[in-house]
Amino acid sequence: MREEDLPDLLPLVRGYLDFYGSAPSDAAVLALSRALLADPEREGVQLIGRDGAGAPAGFATVYWSWSTTRAARVAIMNDLFVAPAARGGGLAEALIAACRARARERGAATLEWQTAPDNVRAQAVYDRVGATRSQWVDYSLPAAPQA
């Protein structure tokens, strides 16, 4: 992805954020994307998927990390979204394949991701591409204590 793709990316990210009930500002979303563009070797990459006519139809974000239990670099596909009108046409699978290729190029041992337990449509895609379902339980904690 390039800086000139950001106007096409933003509405897709908004659709993704709406799906997950999250609402960071456009400025914050663009700052994240620009940080990835500025340092893809250390931070990660965003990929934009387009339909047959070249219209923006989906995106994926991959962050670079490490796994102590694997003693290896891993790629975390933190975001995958396909616009409703483009679903079912293979774009999700193509974006996953592109993320996997980027992970391989980066020397990652695995491409990992998570989805909401009730996102059964996405789970069907993940099962179809041959991904292995995990049994881990996710936790999060704000970096700063809440007042």
C-alpha atoms as a PDB file:
ATOM      1  CA  MET A   1       0.000   0.000   0.000  1.00  0.00           C
ATOM      2  CA  ARG A   2       1.081   3.588  -0.635  1.00  0.00           C
ATOM      3  CA  GLU A   3       0.153   6.999   0.768  1.00  0.00           C
ATOM      4  CA  GLU A   4      -2.136   7.619  -2.210  1.00  0.00           C
ATOM      5  CA  ASP A   5      -4.180   4.531  -1.204  1.00  0.00           C
ATOM      6  CA  LEU A   6      -5.149   6.027   2.177  1.00  0.00           C
ATOM      7  CA  PRO A   7      -8.362   7.724   0.919  1.00  0.00           C
ATOM      8  CA  ASP A   8      -9.482   4.318  -0.396  1.00  0.00           C
ATOM      9  CA  LEU A   9      -8.413   2.533   2.778  1.00  0.00           C
ATOM     10  CA  LEU A  10     -10.167   4.764   5.310  1.00  0.00           C
ATOM     11  CA  PRO A  11     -13.780   3.790   4.423  1.00  0.00           C
ATOM     12  CA  LEU A  12     -12.800   0.108   4.561  1.00  0.00           C
ATOM     13  CA  VAL A  13     -11.230   0.553   7.995  1.00  0.00           C
ATOM     14  CA  ARG A  14     -14.368   2.401   9.117  1.00  0.00           C
ATOM     15  CA  GLY A  15     -16.470  -0.591   8.007  1.00  0.00           C
ATOM     16  CA  TYR A  16     -14.184  -2.905   9.990  1.00  0.00           C
ATOM     17  CA  LEU A  17     -14.314  -0.669  13.064  1.00  0.00           C
ATOM     18  CA  ASP A  18     -18.112  -0.441  12.833  1.00  0.00           C
ATOM     19  CA  PHE A  19     -18.301  -4.252  12.720  1.00  0.00           C
ATOM     20  CA  TYR A  20     -16.304  -4.478  15.944  1.00  0.00           C
ATOM     21  CA  GLY A  21     -18.013  -1.492  17.606  1.00  0.00           C
ATOM     22  CA  SER A  22     -14.868   0.619  17.818  1.00  0.00           C
ATOM     23  CA  ALA A  23     -14.589   4.300  16.957  1.00  0.00           C
ATOM     24  CA  PRO A  24     -11.076   5.796  16.903  1.00  0.00           C
ATOM     25  CA  SER A  25     -10.830   9.070  15.002  1.00  0.00           C
ATOM     26  CA  ASP A  26      -9.935   9.217  11.323  1.00  0.00           C
ATOM     27  CA  ALA A  27      -6.747  11.023  12.341  1.00  0.00           C
ATOM     28  CA  ALA A  28      -5.767   8.127  14.620  1.00  0.00           C
ATOM     29  CA  VAL A  29      -6.512   5.541  11.915  1.00  0.00           C
ATOM     30  CA  LEU A  30      -4.471   7.469   9.360  1.00  0.00           C
ATOM     31  CA  ALA A  31      -1.609   7.913  11.842  1.00  0.00           C
ATOM     32  CA  LEU A  32      -1.502   4.136  12.329  1.00  0.00           C
ATOM     33  CA  SER A  33      -1.467   3.545   8.572  1.00  0.00           C
ATOM     34  CA  ARG A  34       1.246   6.142   8.061  1.00  0.00           C
ATOM     35  CA  ALA A  35       3.385   4.552  10.799  1.00  0.00           C
ATOM     36  CA  LEU A  36       3.204   1.274   8.915  1.00  0.00           C
ATOM     37  CA  LEU A  37       4.039   2.988   5.626  1.00  0.00           C
ATOM     38  CA  ALA A  38       7.007   4.742   7.233  1.00  0.00           C
ATOM     39  CA  ASP A  39       8.613   1.589   8.665  1.00  0.00           C
ATOM     40  CA  PRO A  40       7.245  -1.623   7.138  1.00  0.00           C
ATOM     41  CA  GLU A  41      10.368  -3.577   8.085  1.00  0.00           C
ATOM     42  CA  ARG A  42       9.879  -3.046  11.814  1.00  0.00           C
ATOM     43  CA  GLU A  43       6.199  -2.238  12.204  1.00  0.00           C
ATOM     44  CA  GLY A  44       4.191  -4.218   9.662  1.00  0.00           C
ATOM     45  CA  VAL A  45       2.190  -3.694   6.496  1.00  0.00           C
ATOM     46  CA  GLN A  46      -1.317  -2.940   5.337  1.00  0.00           C
ATOM     47  CA  LEU A  47      -2.612  -4.447   2.125  1.00  0.00           C
ATOM     48  CA  ILE A  48      -5.576  -3.168   0.178  1.00  0.00           C
ATOM     49  CA  GLY A  49      -7.648  -5.510  -1.962  1.00  0.00           C
ATOM     50  CA  ARG A  50      -9.465  -4.295  -5.032  1.00  0.00           C
ATOM     51  CA  ASP A  51     -12.275  -5.788  -7.057  1.00  0.00           C
ATOM     52  CA  GLY A  52     -12.071  -6.560 -10.780  1.00  0.00           C
ATOM     53  CA  ALA A  53     -12.818  -2.915 -11.634  1.00  0.00           C
ATOM     54  CA  GLY A  54     -10.054  -1.650  -9.336  1.00  0.00           C
ATOM     55  CA  ALA A  55     -12.403  -0.348  -6.629  1.00  0.00           C
ATOM     56  CA  PRO A  56     -11.237  -0.775  -3.014  1.00  0.00           C
ATOM     57  CA  ALA A  57     -12.989  -3.806  -1.563  1.00  0.00           C
ATOM     58  CA  GLY A  58     -10.977  -5.040   1.421  1.00  0.00           C
ATOM     59  CA  PHE A  59      -7.835  -4.718   3.496  1.00  0.00           C
ATOM     60  CA  ALA A  60      -5.564  -6.611   5.841  1.00  0.00           C
ATOM     61  CA  THR A  61      -2.989  -5.471   8.387  1.00  0.00           C
ATOM     62  CA  VAL A  62      -0.001  -7.583   9.457  1.00  0.00           C
ATOM     63  CA  TYR A  63       2.239  -6.702  12.395  1.00  0.00           C
ATOM     64  CA  TRP A  64       5.635  -8.286  13.067  1.00  0.00           C
ATOM     65  CA  SER A  65       6.250  -9.899  16.435  1.00  0.00           C
ATOM     66  CA  TRP A  66       8.039 -12.804  18.118  1.00  0.00           C
ATOM     67  CA  SER A  67       6.905 -16.011  19.785  1.00  0.00           C
ATOM     68  CA  THR A  68       8.962 -17.303  22.668  1.00  0.00           C
ATOM     69  CA  THR A  69       7.225 -20.699  22.541  1.00  0.00           C
ATOM     70  CA  ARG A  70       8.297 -21.046  18.906  1.00  0.00           C
ATOM     71  CA  ALA A  71      11.591 -19.169  19.335  1.00  0.00           C
ATOM     72  CA  ALA A  72      10.749 -17.517  16.042  1.00  0.00           C
ATOM     73  CA  ARG A  73       9.395 -14.415  14.391  1.00  0.00           C
ATOM     74  CA  VAL A  74       5.636 -14.452  13.796  1.00  0.00           C
ATOM     75  CA  ALA A  75       3.309 -12.332  11.700  1.00  0.00           C
ATOM     76  CA  ILE A  76       0.057 -11.226  13.324  1.00  0.00           C
ATOM     77  CA  MET A  77      -2.781 -10.540  10.899  1.00  0.00           C
ATOM     78  CA  ASN A  78      -4.549  -8.143  13.213  1.00  0.00           C
ATOM     79  CA  ASP A  79      -7.143  -7.000  10.685  1.00  0.00           C
ATOM     80  CA  LEU A  80      -8.926  -8.615   7.751  1.00  0.00           C
ATOM     81  CA  PHE A  81     -11.999  -7.000   6.248  1.00  0.00           C
ATOM     82  CA  VAL A  82     -13.890  -7.382   2.997  1.00  0.00           C
ATOM     83  CA  ALA A  83     -16.704  -4.969   2.182  1.00  0.00           C
ATOM     84  CA  PRO A  84     -20.109  -6.676   2.272  1.00  0.00           C
ATOM     85  CA  ALA A  85     -20.686  -6.236  -1.480  1.00  0.00           C
ATOM     86  CA  ALA A  86     -17.398  -8.021  -2.252  1.00  0.00           C
ATOM     87  CA  ARG A  87     -17.805 -10.972   0.117  1.00  0.00           C
ATOM     88  CA  GLY A  88     -17.921 -14.469  -1.290  1.00  0.00           C
ATOM     89  CA  GLY A  89     -15.762 -13.645  -4.296  1.00  0.00           C
ATOM     90  CA  GLY A  90     -12.416 -14.898  -2.992  1.00  0.00           C
ATOM     91  CA  LEU A  91     -10.968 -11.572  -1.859  1.00  0.00           C
ATOM     92  CA  ALA A  92     -10.595 -12.683   1.769  1.00  0.00           C
ATOM     93  CA  GLU A  93      -8.685 -15.747   0.644  1.00  0.00           C
ATOM     94  CA  ALA A  94      -6.504 -13.602  -1.636  1.00  0.00           C
ATOM     95  CA  LEU A  95      -5.714 -11.182   1.188  1.00  0.00           C
ATOM     96  CA  ILE A  96      -4.825 -14.064   3.515  1.00  0.00           C
ATOM     97  CA  ALA A  97      -2.538 -15.506   0.814  1.00  0.00           C
ATOM     98  CA  ALA A  98      -0.882 -12.101   0.370  1.00  0.00           C
ATOM     99  CA  CYS A  99      -0.387 -11.771   4.137  1.00  0.00           C
ATOM    100  CA  ARG A 100       1.073 -15.259   4.259  1.00  0.00           C
ATOM    101  CA  ALA A 101       3.473 -14.387   1.446  1.00  0.00           C
ATOM    102  CA  ARG A 102       4.586 -11.239   3.283  1.00  0.00           C
ATOM    103  CA  ALA A 103       5.086 -13.291   6.449  1.00  0.00           C
ATOM    104  CA  ARG A 104       7.198 -15.801   4.544  1.00  0.00           C
ATOM    105  CA  GLU A 105       9.269 -12.997   2.948  1.00  0.00           C
ATOM    106  CA  ARG A 106       9.845 -11.545   6.423  1.00  0.00           C
ATOM    107  CA  GLY A 107      11.034 -14.892   7.778  1.00  0.00           C
ATOM    108  CA  ALA A 108       8.046 -15.468  10.047  1.00  0.00           C
ATOM    109  CA  ALA A 109       7.394 -19.025  11.188  1.00  0.00           C
ATOM    110  CA  THR A 110       3.619 -18.502  11.221  1.00  0.00           C
ATOM    111  CA  LEU A 111       0.851 -16.129  10.293  1.00  0.00           C
ATOM    112  CA  GLU A 112      -1.536 -15.853  13.238  1.00  0.00           C
ATOM    113  CA  TRP A 113      -4.832 -14.077  13.814  1.00  0.00           C
ATOM    114  CA  GLN A 114      -8.005 -14.124  15.851  1.00  0.00           C
ATOM    115  CA  THR A 115     -11.654 -13.370  15.260  1.00  0.00           C
ATOM    116  CA  ALA A 116     -14.763 -12.905  17.330  1.00  0.00           C
ATOM    117  CA  PRO A 117     -16.342 -16.188  18.469  1.00  0.00           C
ATOM    118  CA  ASP A 118     -19.606 -15.270  16.724  1.00  0.00           C
ATOM    119  CA  ASN A 119     -17.987 -14.325  13.402  1.00  0.00           C
ATOM    120  CA  VAL A 120     -18.880 -17.658  11.806  1.00  0.00           C
ATOM    121  CA  ARG A 121     -18.643 -16.381   8.240  1.00  0.00           C
ATOM    122  CA  ALA A 122     -14.995 -15.425   8.776  1.00  0.00           C
ATOM    123  CA  GLN A 123     -14.342 -18.727  10.537  1.00  0.00           C
ATOM    124  CA  ALA A 124     -15.626 -20.569   7.464  1.00  0.00           C
ATOM    125  CA  VAL A 125     -13.093 -18.683   5.324  1.00  0.00           C
ATOM    126  CA  TYR A 126     -10.283 -19.477   7.770  1.00  0.00           C
ATOM    127  CA  ASP A 127     -11.221 -23.148   7.831  1.00  0.00           C
ATOM    128  CA  ARG A 128     -11.354 -23.152   4.013  1.00  0.00           C
ATOM    129  CA  VAL A 129      -7.797 -21.798   3.676  1.00  0.00           C
ATOM    130  CA  GLY A 130      -6.514 -24.526   5.998  1.00  0.00           C
ATOM    131  CA  ALA A 131      -5.848 -22.471   9.122  1.00  0.00           C
ATOM    132  CA  THR A 132      -5.684 -24.256  12.464  1.00  0.00           C
ATOM    133  CA  ARG A 133      -8.144 -23.152  15.131  1.00  0.00           C
ATOM    134  CA  SER A 134      -6.569 -22.250  18.474  1.00  0.00           C
ATOM    135  CA  GLN A 135      -7.923 -22.906  21.931  1.00  0.00           C
ATOM    136  CA  TRP A 136      -6.241 -19.909  23.609  1.00  0.00           C
ATOM    137  CA  VAL A 137      -8.255 -17.467  25.710  1.00  0.00           C
ATOM    138  CA  ASP A 138      -7.519 -13.809  25.020  1.00  0.00           C
ATOM    139  CA  TYR A 139      -7.016 -11.199  27.725  1.00  0.00           C
ATOM    140  CA  SER A 140      -6.217  -7.496  27.581  1.00  0.00           C
ATOM    141  CA  LEU A 141      -5.360  -4.891  30.160  1.00  0.00           C
ATOM    142  CA  PRO A 142      -5.119  -1.137  29.666  1.00  0.00           C
ATOM    143  CA  ALA A 143      -1.489   0.036  29.803  1.00  0.00           C
ATOM    144  CA  ALA A 144      -2.480   2.799  32.210  1.00  0.00           C
ATOM    145  CA  PRO A 145      -4.632   2.041  35.255  1.00  0.00           C
ATOM    146  CA  GLN A 146      -8.210   3.243  34.912  1.00  0.00           C
ATOM    147  CA  ALA A 147      -9.282   5.946  37.356  1.00  0.00           C
END
